[in-house]
Amino acid sequence: MKLGSLVYQINQSFKELERFGESKHQAKEKVKNKYPNKTPVVDGIYSYKTMSAYRQTLREFTPFLDRKLLFYI
């Protein structure tokens, strides 16, 4: 079973976290109402700029990971 490149696999994970157009504030309010004594934590990436920054970091970091993974194989 072929999984694809490391960049592809991480991008697929990012796609699952996309919440563009949704309100992070509203999501936190729902969690806060459900669990009033806990700090509200929400899953997902709500901002295009945040996603862009994560992808840039991915592009810079995966060559390093590829070199390290090859060392251990």
PDB file of N, CA and C in Angstrom:
ATOM      1  N   MET A   1       0.844  -1.181   0.000  1.00  0.00           N
ATOM      2  CA  MET A   1       0.000   0.000   0.000  1.00  0.00           C
ATOM      3  C   MET A   1       0.890   1.245   0.000  1.00  0.00           C
ATOM      4  N   LYS A   2       0.745   2.054  -1.017  1.00  0.00           N
ATOM      5  CA  LYS A   2       1.546   3.270  -1.142  1.00  0.00           C
ATOM      6  C   LYS A   2       0.861   4.409  -0.382  1.00  0.00           C
ATOM      7  N   LEU A   3       1.628   5.100   0.444  1.00  0.00           N
ATOM      8  CA  LEU A   3       1.087   6.184   1.256  1.00  0.00           C
ATOM      9  C   LEU A   3       1.302   7.555   0.644  1.00  0.00           C
ATOM     10  N   GLY A   4       2.237   7.683  -0.269  1.00  0.00           N
ATOM     11  CA  GLY A   4       2.565   8.979  -0.832  1.00  0.00           C
ATOM     12  C   GLY A   4       3.727   9.601  -0.083  1.00  0.00           C
ATOM     13  N   SER A   5       4.183  10.718  -0.596  1.00  0.00           N
ATOM     14  CA  SER A   5       5.329  11.386   0.028  1.00  0.00           C
ATOM     15  C   SER A   5       4.944  11.918   1.400  1.00  0.00           C
ATOM     16  N   LEU A   6       5.946  12.256   2.160  1.00  0.00           N
ATOM     17  CA  LEU A   6       5.727  12.817   3.487  1.00  0.00           C
ATOM     18  C   LEU A   6       4.933  14.117   3.397  1.00  0.00           C
ATOM     19  N   VAL A   7       5.270  14.963   2.438  1.00  0.00           N
ATOM     20  CA  VAL A   7       4.550  16.230   2.245  1.00  0.00           C
ATOM     21  C   VAL A   7       3.080  15.947   1.931  1.00  0.00           C
ATOM     22  N   TYR A   8       2.814  14.991   1.060  1.00  0.00           N
ATOM     23  CA  TYR A   8       1.446  14.639   0.703  1.00  0.00           C
ATOM     24  C   TYR A   8       0.665  14.158   1.928  1.00  0.00           C
ATOM     25  N   GLN A   9       1.268  13.290   2.712  1.00  0.00           N
ATOM     26  CA  GLN A   9       0.596  12.751   3.893  1.00  0.00           C
ATOM     27  C   GLN A   9       0.255  13.848   4.901  1.00  0.00           C
ATOM     28  N   ILE A  10       1.185  14.767   5.118  1.00  0.00           N
ATOM     29  CA  ILE A  10       0.926  15.852   6.064  1.00  0.00           C
ATOM     30  C   ILE A  10      -0.126  16.802   5.513  1.00  0.00           C
ATOM     31  N   ASN A  11      -0.081  17.081   4.214  1.00  0.00           N
ATOM     32  CA  ASN A  11      -1.111  17.933   3.609  1.00  0.00           C
ATOM     33  C   ASN A  11      -2.493  17.314   3.735  1.00  0.00           C
ATOM     34  N   GLN A  12      -2.587  15.999   3.615  1.00  0.00           N
ATOM     35  CA  GLN A  12      -3.870  15.315   3.787  1.00  0.00           C
ATOM     36  C   GLN A  12      -4.373  15.516   5.222  1.00  0.00           C
ATOM     37  N   SER A  13      -3.474  15.454   6.180  1.00  0.00           N
ATOM     38  CA  SER A  13      -3.856  15.701   7.569  1.00  0.00           C
ATOM     39  C   SER A  13      -4.326  17.136   7.766  1.00  0.00           C
ATOM     40  N   PHE A  14      -3.635  18.074   7.104  1.00  0.00           N
ATOM     41  CA  PHE A  14      -4.056  19.474   7.171  1.00  0.00           C
ATOM     42  C   PHE A  14      -5.464  19.649   6.619  1.00  0.00           C
ATOM     43  N   LYS A  15      -5.770  18.991   5.508  1.00  0.00           N
ATOM     44  CA  LYS A  15      -7.096  19.124   4.896  1.00  0.00           C
ATOM     45  C   LYS A  15      -8.198  18.697   5.857  1.00  0.00           C
ATOM     46  N   GLU A  16      -7.918  17.678   6.660  1.00  0.00           N
ATOM     47  CA  GLU A  16      -8.906  17.224   7.636  1.00  0.00           C
ATOM     48  C   GLU A  16      -9.141  18.266   8.726  1.00  0.00           C
ATOM     49  N   LEU A  17      -8.178  19.135   8.939  1.00  0.00           N
ATOM     50  CA  LEU A  17      -8.283  20.152   9.987  1.00  0.00           C
ATOM     51  C   LEU A  17      -8.844  21.482   9.491  1.00  0.00           C
ATOM     52  N   GLU A  18      -9.064  21.630   8.191  1.00  0.00           N
ATOM     53  CA  GLU A  18      -9.556  22.892   7.627  1.00  0.00           C
ATOM     54  C   GLU A  18     -10.936  23.216   8.169  1.00  0.00           C
ATOM     55  N   ARG A  19     -11.070  24.422   8.701  1.00  0.00           N
ATOM     56  CA  ARG A  19     -12.353  24.915   9.192  1.00  0.00           C
ATOM     57  C   ARG A  19     -12.594  26.326   8.650  1.00  0.00           C
ATOM     58  N   PHE A  20     -12.150  26.571   7.419  1.00  0.00           N
ATOM     59  CA  PHE A  20     -12.280  27.899   6.818  1.00  0.00           C
ATOM     60  C   PHE A  20     -13.751  28.288   6.740  1.00  0.00           C
ATOM     61  N   GLY A  21     -14.028  29.532   7.081  1.00  0.00           N
ATOM     62  CA  GLY A  21     -15.399  30.030   7.033  1.00  0.00           C
ATOM     63  C   GLY A  21     -16.163  29.799   8.319  1.00  0.00           C
ATOM     64  N   GLU A  22     -15.616  29.015   9.218  1.00  0.00           N
ATOM     65  CA  GLU A  22     -16.255  28.789  10.513  1.00  0.00           C
ATOM     66  C   GLU A  22     -15.625  29.729  11.539  1.00  0.00           C
ATOM     67  N   SER A  23     -16.345  29.986  12.601  1.00  0.00           N
ATOM     68  CA  SER A  23     -15.860  30.885  13.641  1.00  0.00           C
ATOM     69  C   SER A  23     -15.183  30.089  14.753  1.00  0.00           C
ATOM     70  N   LYS A  24     -13.915  30.379  14.984  1.00  0.00           N
ATOM     71  CA  LYS A  24     -13.198  29.724  16.067  1.00  0.00           C
ATOM     72  C   LYS A  24     -13.790  30.156  17.415  1.00  0.00           C
ATOM     73  N   HIS A  25     -14.189  31.415  17.481  1.00  0.00           N
ATOM     74  CA  HIS A  25     -14.780  31.935  18.711  1.00  0.00           C
ATOM     75  C   HIS A  25     -16.055  31.161  19.057  1.00  0.00           C
ATOM     76  N   GLN A  26     -16.918  30.946  18.068  1.00  0.00           N
ATOM     77  CA  GLN A  26     -18.158  30.197  18.317  1.00  0.00           C
ATOM     78  C   GLN A  26     -17.868  28.756  18.718  1.00  0.00           C
ATOM     79  N   ALA A  27     -16.864  28.154  18.095  1.00  0.00           N
ATOM     80  CA  ALA A  27     -16.499  26.780  18.437  1.00  0.00           C
ATOM     81  C   ALA A  27     -16.027  26.706  19.890  1.00  0.00           C
ATOM     82  N   LYS A  28     -15.245  27.698  20.310  1.00  0.00           N
ATOM     83  CA  LYS A  28     -14.778  27.733  21.698  1.00  0.00           C
ATOM     84  C   LYS A  28     -15.942  27.956  22.662  1.00  0.00           C
ATOM     85  N   GLU A  29     -16.895  28.794  22.282  1.00  0.00           N
ATOM     86  CA  GLU A  29     -18.061  29.037  23.131  1.00  0.00           C
ATOM     87  C   GLU A  29     -18.859  27.748  23.340  1.00  0.00           C
ATOM     88  N   LYS A  30     -19.010  26.950  22.290  1.00  0.00           N
ATOM     89  CA  LYS A  30     -19.730  25.673  22.418  1.00  0.00           C
ATOM     90  C   LYS A  30     -19.023  24.751  23.405  1.00  0.00           C
ATOM     91  N   VAL A  31     -17.704  24.679  23.302  1.00  0.00           N
ATOM     92  CA  VAL A  31     -16.934  23.837  24.218  1.00  0.00           C
ATOM     93  C   VAL A  31     -17.042  24.382  25.639  1.00  0.00           C
ATOM     94  N   LYS A  32     -16.975  25.707  25.775  1.00  0.00           N
ATOM     95  CA  LYS A  32     -17.052  26.339  27.093  1.00  0.00           C
ATOM     96  C   LYS A  32     -18.409  26.066  27.745  1.00  0.00           C
ATOM     97  N   ASN A  33     -19.475  26.088  26.949  1.00  0.00           N
ATOM     98  CA  ASN A  33     -20.813  25.813  27.484  1.00  0.00           C
ATOM     99  C   ASN A  33     -20.966  24.352  27.891  1.00  0.00           C
ATOM    100  N   LYS A  34     -20.351  23.469  27.138  1.00  0.00           N
ATOM    101  CA  LYS A  34     -20.457  22.040  27.425  1.00  0.00           C
ATOM    102  C   LYS A  34     -19.609  21.644  28.636  1.00  0.00           C
ATOM    103  N   TYR A  35     -18.418  22.245  28.741  1.00  0.00           N
ATOM    104  CA  TYR A  35     -17.483  21.952  29.829  1.00  0.00           C
ATOM    105  C   TYR A  35     -17.057  23.261  30.495  1.00  0.00           C
ATOM    106  N   PRO A  36     -17.899  23.813  31.369  1.00  0.00           N
ATOM    107  CA  PRO A  36     -17.623  25.155  31.918  1.00  0.00           C
ATOM    108  C   PRO A  36     -16.361  25.262  32.767  1.00  0.00           C
ATOM    109  N   ASN A  37     -15.887  24.187  33.344  1.00  0.00           N
ATOM    110  CA  ASN A  37     -14.725  24.257  34.220  1.00  0.00           C
ATOM    111  C   ASN A  37     -13.413  23.947  33.512  1.00  0.00           C
ATOM    112  N   LYS A  38     -13.463  23.791  32.205  1.00  0.00           N
ATOM    113  CA  LYS A  38     -12.254  23.465  31.445  1.00  0.00           C
ATOM    114  C   LYS A  38     -11.914  24.617  30.501  1.00  0.00           C
ATOM    115  N   THR A  39     -10.636  24.720  30.174  1.00  0.00           N
ATOM    116  CA  THR A  39     -10.206  25.697  29.178  1.00  0.00           C
ATOM    117  C   THR A  39     -10.651  25.204  27.803  1.00  0.00           C
ATOM    118  N   PRO A  40     -11.374  26.042  27.052  1.00  0.00           N
ATOM    119  CA  PRO A  40     -11.874  25.580  25.754  1.00  0.00           C
ATOM    120  C   PRO A  40     -10.759  25.385  24.729  1.00  0.00           C
ATOM    121  N   VAL A  41     -10.691  24.196  24.182  1.00  0.00           N
ATOM    122  CA  VAL A  41      -9.717  23.866  23.149  1.00  0.00           C
ATOM    123  C   VAL A  41     -10.494  23.306  21.964  1.00  0.00           C
ATOM    124  N   VAL A  42     -10.233  23.840  20.779  1.00  0.00           N
ATOM    125  CA  VAL A  42     -10.932  23.368  19.593  1.00  0.00           C
ATOM    126  C   VAL A  42      -9.937  22.785  18.596  1.00  0.00           C
ATOM    127  N   ASP A  43     -10.429  21.817  17.859  1.00  0.00           N
ATOM    128  CA  ASP A  43      -9.644  21.166  16.823  1.00  0.00           C
ATOM    129  C   ASP A  43      -9.816  21.930  15.521  1.00  0.00           C
ATOM    130  N   GLY A  44      -8.770  22.079  14.766  1.00  0.00           N
ATOM    131  CA  GLY A  44      -8.918  22.644  13.445  1.00  0.00           C
ATOM    132  C   GLY A  44      -8.088  23.882  13.210  1.00  0.00           C
ATOM    133  N   ILE A  45      -8.025  24.242  11.934  1.00  0.00           N
ATOM    134  CA  ILE A  45      -7.310  25.441  11.491  1.00  0.00           C
ATOM    135  C   ILE A  45      -8.361  26.335  10.849  1.00  0.00           C
ATOM    136  N   TYR A  46      -8.596  27.482  11.444  1.00  0.00           N
ATOM    137  CA  TYR A  46      -9.683  28.358  11.038  1.00  0.00           C
ATOM    138  C   TYR A  46      -9.240  29.479  10.110  1.00  0.00           C
ATOM    139  N   SER A  47      -7.938  29.688   9.968  1.00  0.00           N
ATOM    140  CA  SER A  47      -7.430  30.824   9.212  1.00  0.00           C
ATOM    141  C   SER A  47      -6.592  30.373   8.012  1.00  0.00           C
ATOM    142  N   TYR A  48      -6.830  31.031   6.868  1.00  0.00           N
ATOM    143  CA  TYR A  48      -6.014  30.764   5.682  1.00  0.00           C
ATOM    144  C   TYR A  48      -4.543  31.098   5.944  1.00  0.00           C
ATOM    145  N   LYS A  49      -4.310  32.196   6.673  1.00  0.00           N
ATOM    146  CA  LYS A  49      -2.928  32.606   6.952  1.00  0.00           C
ATOM    147  C   LYS A  49      -2.219  31.587   7.830  1.00  0.00           C
ATOM    148  N   THR A  50      -2.921  31.041   8.803  1.00  0.00           N
ATOM    149  CA  THR A  50      -2.317  30.017   9.655  1.00  0.00           C
ATOM    150  C   THR A  50      -1.972  28.793   8.825  1.00  0.00           C
ATOM    151  N   MET A  51      -2.896  28.372   7.961  1.00  0.00           N
ATOM    152  CA  MET A  51      -2.645  27.210   7.107  1.00  0.00           C
ATOM    153  C   MET A  51      -1.458  27.478   6.194  1.00  0.00           C
ATOM    154  N   SER A  52      -1.385  28.672   5.653  1.00  0.00           N
ATOM    155  CA  SER A  52      -0.268  29.033   4.785  1.00  0.00           C
ATOM    156  C   SER A  52       1.055  28.966   5.546  1.00  0.00           C
ATOM    157  N   ALA A  53       1.065  29.447   6.778  1.00  0.00           N
ATOM    158  CA  ALA A  53       2.277  29.405   7.593  1.00  0.00           C
ATOM    159  C   ALA A  53       2.668  27.961   7.906  1.00  0.00           C
ATOM    160  N   TYR A  54       1.686  27.118   8.207  1.00  0.00           N
ATOM    161  CA  TYR A  54       1.970  25.704   8.487  1.00  0.00           C
ATOM    162  C   TYR A  54       2.549  25.015   7.252  1.00  0.00           C
ATOM    163  N   ARG A  55       1.995  25.323   6.089  1.00  0.00           N
ATOM    164  CA  ARG A  55       2.497  24.696   4.859  1.00  0.00           C
ATOM    165  C   ARG A  55       3.912  25.169   4.535  1.00  0.00           C
ATOM    166  N   GLN A  56       4.208  26.438   4.796  1.00  0.00           N
ATOM    167  CA  GLN A  56       5.559  26.942   4.574  1.00  0.00           C
ATOM    168  C   GLN A  56       6.549  26.221   5.487  1.00  0.00           C
ATOM    169  N   THR A  57       6.182  26.058   6.744  1.00  0.00           N
ATOM    170  CA  THR A  57       7.026  25.328   7.688  1.00  0.00           C
ATOM    171  C   THR A  57       7.210  23.888   7.222  1.00  0.00           C
ATOM    172  N   LEU A  58       6.144  23.289   6.725  1.00  0.00           N
ATOM    173  CA  LEU A  58       6.207  21.923   6.191  1.00  0.00           C
ATOM    174  C   LEU A  58       7.215  21.831   5.050  1.00  0.00           C
ATOM    175  N   ARG A  59       7.162  22.790   4.121  1.00  0.00           N
ATOM    176  CA  ARG A  59       8.091  22.781   2.985  1.00  0.00           C
ATOM    177  C   ARG A  59       9.543  22.907   3.442  1.00  0.00           C
ATOM    178  N   GLU A  60       9.763  23.662   4.496  1.00  0.00           N
ATOM    179  CA  GLU A  60      11.126  23.857   4.992  1.00  0.00           C
ATOM    180  C   GLU A  60      11.610  22.679   5.842  1.00  0.00           C
ATOM    181  N   PHE A  61      10.708  22.022   6.542  1.00  0.00           N
ATOM    182  CA  PHE A  61      11.092  21.001   7.509  1.00  0.00           C
ATOM    183  C   PHE A  61      11.162  19.584   6.936  1.00  0.00           C
ATOM    184  N   THR A  62      10.348  19.275   5.935  1.00  0.00           N
ATOM    185  CA  THR A  62      10.327  17.897   5.424  1.00  0.00           C
ATOM    186  C   THR A  62      11.643  17.439   4.802  1.00  0.00           C
ATOM    187  N   PRO A  63      12.417  18.291   4.136  1.00  0.00           N
ATOM    188  CA  PRO A  63      13.715  17.797   3.661  1.00  0.00           C
ATOM    189  C   PRO A  63      14.608  17.322   4.812  1.00  0.00           C
ATOM    190  N   PHE A  64      14.545  18.040   5.928  1.00  0.00           N
ATOM    191  CA  PHE A  64      15.290  17.628   7.109  1.00  0.00           C
ATOM    192  C   PHE A  64      14.800  16.262   7.597  1.00  0.00           C
ATOM    193  N   LEU A  65      13.484  16.088   7.670  1.00  0.00           N
ATOM    194  CA  LEU A  65      12.928  14.807   8.108  1.00  0.00           C
ATOM    195  C   LEU A  65      13.323  13.682   7.162  1.00  0.00           C
ATOM    196  N   ASP A  66      13.253  13.943   5.872  1.00  0.00           N
ATOM    197  CA  ASP A  66      13.620  12.913   4.896  1.00  0.00           C
ATOM    198  C   ASP A  66      15.062  12.451   5.107  1.00  0.00           C
ATOM    199  N   ARG A  67      15.958  13.391   5.353  1.00  0.00           N
ATOM    200  CA  ARG A  67      17.357  13.022   5.591  1.00  0.00           C
ATOM    201  C   ARG A  67      17.498  12.202   6.867  1.00  0.00           C
ATOM    202  N   LYS A  68      16.800  12.581   7.915  1.00  0.00           N
ATOM    203  CA  LYS A  68      16.887  11.869   9.189  1.00  0.00           C
ATOM    204  C   LYS A  68      16.269  10.478   9.067  1.00  0.00           C
ATOM    205  N   LEU A  69      15.154  10.355   8.370  1.00  0.00           N
ATOM    206  CA  LEU A  69      14.500   9.058   8.221  1.00  0.00           C
ATOM    207  C   LEU A  69      15.360   8.104   7.400  1.00  0.00           C
ATOM    208  N   LEU A  70      16.027   8.604   6.379  1.00  0.00           N
ATOM    209  CA  LEU A  70      16.889   7.763   5.581  1.00  0.00           C
ATOM    210  C   LEU A  70      18.066   7.248   6.403  1.00  0.00           C
ATOM    211  N   PHE A  71      18.511   8.050   7.351  1.00  0.00           N
ATOM    212  CA  PHE A  71      19.620   7.648   8.203  1.00  0.00           C
ATOM    213  C   PHE A  71      19.254   6.429   9.039  1.00  0.00           C
ATOM    214  N   TYR A  72      17.987   6.333   9.483  1.00  0.00           N
ATOM    215  CA  TYR A  72      17.580   5.245  10.361  1.00  0.00           C
ATOM    216  C   TYR A  72      17.081   4.010   9.623  1.00  0.00           C
ATOM    217  N   ILE A  73      16.929   4.104   8.329  1.00  0.00           N
ATOM    218  CA  ILE A  73      16.433   2.939   7.567  1.00  0.00           C
ATOM    219  C   ILE A  73      17.570   2.004   7.232  1.00  0.00           C
TER     220      ILE A  73
END
